[in-house]
Amino acid sequence: QVQLVESGGGLVQPGGSLRLSCTAPGNIFRFYTMGWYRQAPGKQRELVARITTTGSTTYADSLKGRFTISRDNAKRTVYLQMSSLKPEDTAVYYCNAYRTSYDNYWGQGTQVTVSS
């Protein structure tokens, strides 16, 4: 069973920043595209950002400029740096490791709440 371990969620005021982390087993991290998705109450899960094994990144258009994804291969960790957070960023954020549609894994999710 593949385990993706997420951390870094919490409560933050509007305009604040948070950094999420997700650590994966080495055999997964080396070969899989790593991504972050989020799901707000009553909404579908959506892509936030992803990064390939070679460092190519993709972002949701609405989040470009505020969110940055990165990966540290030595630590087997992918990060999501979130800044200028808004209440509408409130969601459960999920880490994903993707190789094919039949070979991908999810973390347990971490709650991010943006509220004053």
C-alpha atoms as a PDB file:
ATOM      1  CA  GLN A   1       0.000   0.000   0.000  1.00  0.00           C
ATOM      2  CA  VAL A   2       1.456   3.319  -1.089  1.00  0.00           C
ATOM      3  CA  GLN A   3       1.298   6.042   1.530  1.00  0.00           C
ATOM      4  CA  LEU A   4       1.562   9.721   0.708  1.00  0.00           C
ATOM      5  CA  VAL A   5       2.036  11.735   3.882  1.00  0.00           C
ATOM      6  CA  GLU A   6       0.741  15.298   3.782  1.00  0.00           C
ATOM      7  CA  SER A   7       1.292  18.089   6.258  1.00  0.00           C
ATOM      8  CA  GLY A   8       1.102  21.851   6.581  1.00  0.00           C
ATOM      9  CA  GLY A   9      -2.589  22.602   6.477  1.00  0.00           C
ATOM     10  CA  GLY A  10      -4.353  24.802   8.975  1.00  0.00           C
ATOM     11  CA  LEU A  11      -6.158  28.038   9.593  1.00  0.00           C
ATOM     12  CA  VAL A  12      -4.796  31.211   8.047  1.00  0.00           C
ATOM     13  CA  GLN A  13      -6.115  34.734   7.648  1.00  0.00           C
ATOM     14  CA  PRO A  14      -6.923  36.164   4.229  1.00  0.00           C
ATOM     15  CA  GLY A  15      -3.743  37.411   2.594  1.00  0.00           C
ATOM     16  CA  GLY A  16      -1.615  34.939   4.515  1.00  0.00           C
ATOM     17  CA  SER A  17       0.595  32.102   3.358  1.00  0.00           C
ATOM     18  CA  LEU A  18       0.914  28.384   3.954  1.00  0.00           C
ATOM     19  CA  ARG A  19       3.202  25.678   2.684  1.00  0.00           C
ATOM     20  CA  LEU A  20       1.940  22.158   2.213  1.00  0.00           C
ATOM     21  CA  SER A  21       4.269  19.171   2.094  1.00  0.00           C
ATOM     22  CA  CYS A  22       3.785  15.653   0.791  1.00  0.00           C
ATOM     23  CA  THR A  23       6.319  12.875   1.205  1.00  0.00           C
ATOM     24  CA  ALA A  24       6.198   9.739  -0.898  1.00  0.00           C
ATOM     25  CA  PRO A  25       8.099   6.448  -0.939  1.00  0.00           C
ATOM     26  CA  GLY A  26      11.248   6.582  -3.052  1.00  0.00           C
ATOM     27  CA  ASN A  27      10.050   4.151  -5.715  1.00  0.00           C
ATOM     28  CA  ILE A  28       7.018   6.353  -6.244  1.00  0.00           C
ATOM     29  CA  PHE A  29       8.642   9.753  -6.060  1.00  0.00           C
ATOM     30  CA  ARG A  30      11.303   8.963  -8.641  1.00  0.00           C
ATOM     31  CA  PHE A  31       8.933   7.922 -11.383  1.00  0.00           C
ATOM     32  CA  TYR A  32       5.650   9.704 -10.796  1.00  0.00           C
ATOM     33  CA  THR A  33       4.293  13.127 -11.557  1.00  0.00           C
ATOM     34  CA  MET A  34       3.376  14.703  -8.223  1.00  0.00           C
ATOM     35  CA  GLY A  35       0.416  16.996  -7.871  1.00  0.00           C
ATOM     36  CA  TRP A  36      -1.890  18.849  -5.556  1.00  0.00           C
ATOM     37  CA  TYR A  37      -5.645  18.868  -5.901  1.00  0.00           C
ATOM     38  CA  ARG A  38      -8.293  20.447  -3.749  1.00  0.00           C
ATOM     39  CA  GLN A  39     -11.928  19.877  -2.969  1.00  0.00           C
ATOM     40  CA  ALA A  40     -14.153  22.486  -1.415  1.00  0.00           C
ATOM     41  CA  PRO A  41     -17.473  21.571   0.217  1.00  0.00           C
ATOM     42  CA  GLY A  42     -20.084  20.804  -2.405  1.00  0.00           C
ATOM     43  CA  LYS A  43     -17.598  21.044  -5.262  1.00  0.00           C
ATOM     44  CA  GLN A  44     -15.650  18.615  -7.386  1.00  0.00           C
ATOM     45  CA  ARG A  45     -12.022  17.908  -6.795  1.00  0.00           C
ATOM     46  CA  GLU A  46      -9.875  20.123  -8.998  1.00  0.00           C
ATOM     47  CA  LEU A  47      -6.254  20.325 -10.023  1.00  0.00           C
ATOM     48  CA  VAL A  48      -4.195  22.943  -8.232  1.00  0.00           C
ATOM     49  CA  ALA A  49      -0.748  22.181  -9.653  1.00  0.00           C
ATOM     50  CA  ARG A  50       1.476  19.304 -10.710  1.00  0.00           C
ATOM     51  CA  ILE A  51       5.150  18.779 -11.361  1.00  0.00           C
ATOM     52  CA  THR A  52       6.768  16.093 -13.462  1.00  0.00           C
ATOM     53  CA  THR A  53       9.883  14.103 -12.624  1.00  0.00           C
ATOM     54  CA  THR A  54      11.863  16.537 -14.777  1.00  0.00           C
ATOM     55  CA  GLY A  55      10.433  19.602 -13.056  1.00  0.00           C
ATOM     56  CA  SER A  56       7.874  20.767 -15.588  1.00  0.00           C
ATOM     57  CA  THR A  57       4.941  22.422 -13.876  1.00  0.00           C
ATOM     58  CA  THR A  58       1.278  22.941 -14.619  1.00  0.00           C
ATOM     59  CA  TYR A  59      -1.055  25.208 -12.698  1.00  0.00           C
ATOM     60  CA  ALA A  60      -4.742  25.884 -12.613  1.00  0.00           C
ATOM     61  CA  ASP A  61      -5.131  29.144 -14.522  1.00  0.00           C
ATOM     62  CA  SER A  62      -6.922  30.838 -11.656  1.00  0.00           C
ATOM     63  CA  LEU A  63      -4.058  30.125  -9.251  1.00  0.00           C
ATOM     64  CA  LYS A  64      -1.060  31.157 -11.319  1.00  0.00           C
ATOM     65  CA  GLY A  65       1.064  33.691  -9.530  1.00  0.00           C
ATOM     66  CA  ARG A  66      -0.181  32.837  -6.047  1.00  0.00           C
ATOM     67  CA  PHE A  67       0.707  29.152  -5.750  1.00  0.00           C
ATOM     68  CA  THR A  68       4.061  27.521  -6.447  1.00  0.00           C
ATOM     69  CA  ILE A  69       4.746  23.794  -6.635  1.00  0.00           C
ATOM     70  CA  SER A  70       8.222  22.365  -6.189  1.00  0.00           C
ATOM     71  CA  ARG A  71       9.863  19.050  -5.428  1.00  0.00           C
ATOM     72  CA  ASP A  72      12.912  18.036  -3.447  1.00  0.00           C
ATOM     73  CA  ASN A  73      14.092  14.726  -4.832  1.00  0.00           C
ATOM     74  CA  ALA A  74      16.526  14.099  -1.994  1.00  0.00           C
ATOM     75  CA  LYS A  75      13.711  14.414   0.549  1.00  0.00           C
ATOM     76  CA  ARG A  76      11.103  12.693  -1.655  1.00  0.00           C
ATOM     77  CA  THR A  77       8.848  15.632  -0.942  1.00  0.00           C
ATOM     78  CA  VAL A  78       6.656  17.868  -3.034  1.00  0.00           C
ATOM     79  CA  TYR A  79       5.676  21.288  -1.736  1.00  0.00           C
ATOM     80  CA  LEU A  80       2.867  23.683  -2.442  1.00  0.00           C
ATOM     81  CA  GLN A  81       3.644  27.236  -1.416  1.00  0.00           C
ATOM     82  CA  MET A  82       0.420  29.231  -1.206  1.00  0.00           C
ATOM     83  CA  SER A  83       0.388  32.994  -0.818  1.00  0.00           C
ATOM     84  CA  SER A  84      -2.180  35.795  -0.857  1.00  0.00           C
ATOM     85  CA  LEU A  85      -4.707  33.255   0.305  1.00  0.00           C
ATOM     86  CA  LYS A  86      -8.401  33.982  -0.117  1.00  0.00           C
ATOM     87  CA  PRO A  87     -11.451  32.539   1.615  1.00  0.00           C
ATOM     88  CA  GLU A  88     -12.307  30.730  -1.613  1.00  0.00           C
ATOM     89  CA  ASP A  89      -9.057  28.775  -1.270  1.00  0.00           C
ATOM     90  CA  THR A  90     -10.616  26.971   1.677  1.00  0.00           C
ATOM     91  CA  ALA A  91     -10.680  23.262   0.850  1.00  0.00           C
ATOM     92  CA  VAL A  92      -9.195  19.900   1.605  1.00  0.00           C
ATOM     93  CA  TYR A  93      -5.934  19.657  -0.298  1.00  0.00           C
ATOM     94  CA  TYR A  94      -4.850  16.262  -1.583  1.00  0.00           C
ATOM     95  CA  CYS A  95      -1.473  15.078  -2.728  1.00  0.00           C
ATOM     96  CA  ASN A  96      -1.424  12.855  -5.812  1.00  0.00           C
ATOM     97  CA  ALA A  97       1.210  10.650  -7.404  1.00  0.00           C
ATOM     98  CA  TYR A  98       0.379   9.901 -11.039  1.00  0.00           C
ATOM     99  CA  ARG A  99       1.867   7.616 -13.619  1.00  0.00           C
ATOM    100  CA  THR A 100      -1.159   6.433 -15.561  1.00  0.00           C
ATOM    101  CA  SER A 101      -4.887   6.537 -15.036  1.00  0.00           C
ATOM    102  CA  TYR A 102      -4.586   3.049 -13.572  1.00  0.00           C
ATOM    103  CA  ASP A 103      -1.487   3.736 -11.542  1.00  0.00           C
ATOM    104  CA  ASN A 104      -1.939   6.715  -9.270  1.00  0.00           C
ATOM    105  CA  TYR A 105      -2.230   7.315  -5.547  1.00  0.00           C
ATOM    106  CA  TRP A 106      -3.808   9.829  -3.198  1.00  0.00           C
ATOM    107  CA  GLY A 107      -2.915  11.187   0.185  1.00  0.00           C
ATOM    108  CA  GLN A 108      -5.427  11.435   2.992  1.00  0.00           C
ATOM    109  CA  GLY A 109      -5.929  15.172   2.529  1.00  0.00           C
ATOM    110  CA  THR A 110      -5.112  18.183   4.662  1.00  0.00           C
ATOM    111  CA  GLN A 111      -7.567  20.930   5.529  1.00  0.00           C
ATOM    112  CA  VAL A 112      -6.790  24.519   4.604  1.00  0.00           C
ATOM    113  CA  THR A 113      -9.128  27.144   6.009  1.00  0.00           C
ATOM    114  CA  VAL A 114      -8.786  30.799   5.077  1.00  0.00           C
ATOM    115  CA  SER A 115     -10.793  32.942   7.440  1.00  0.00           C
ATOM    116  CA  SER A 116     -10.505  36.004   9.633  1.00  0.00           C
END
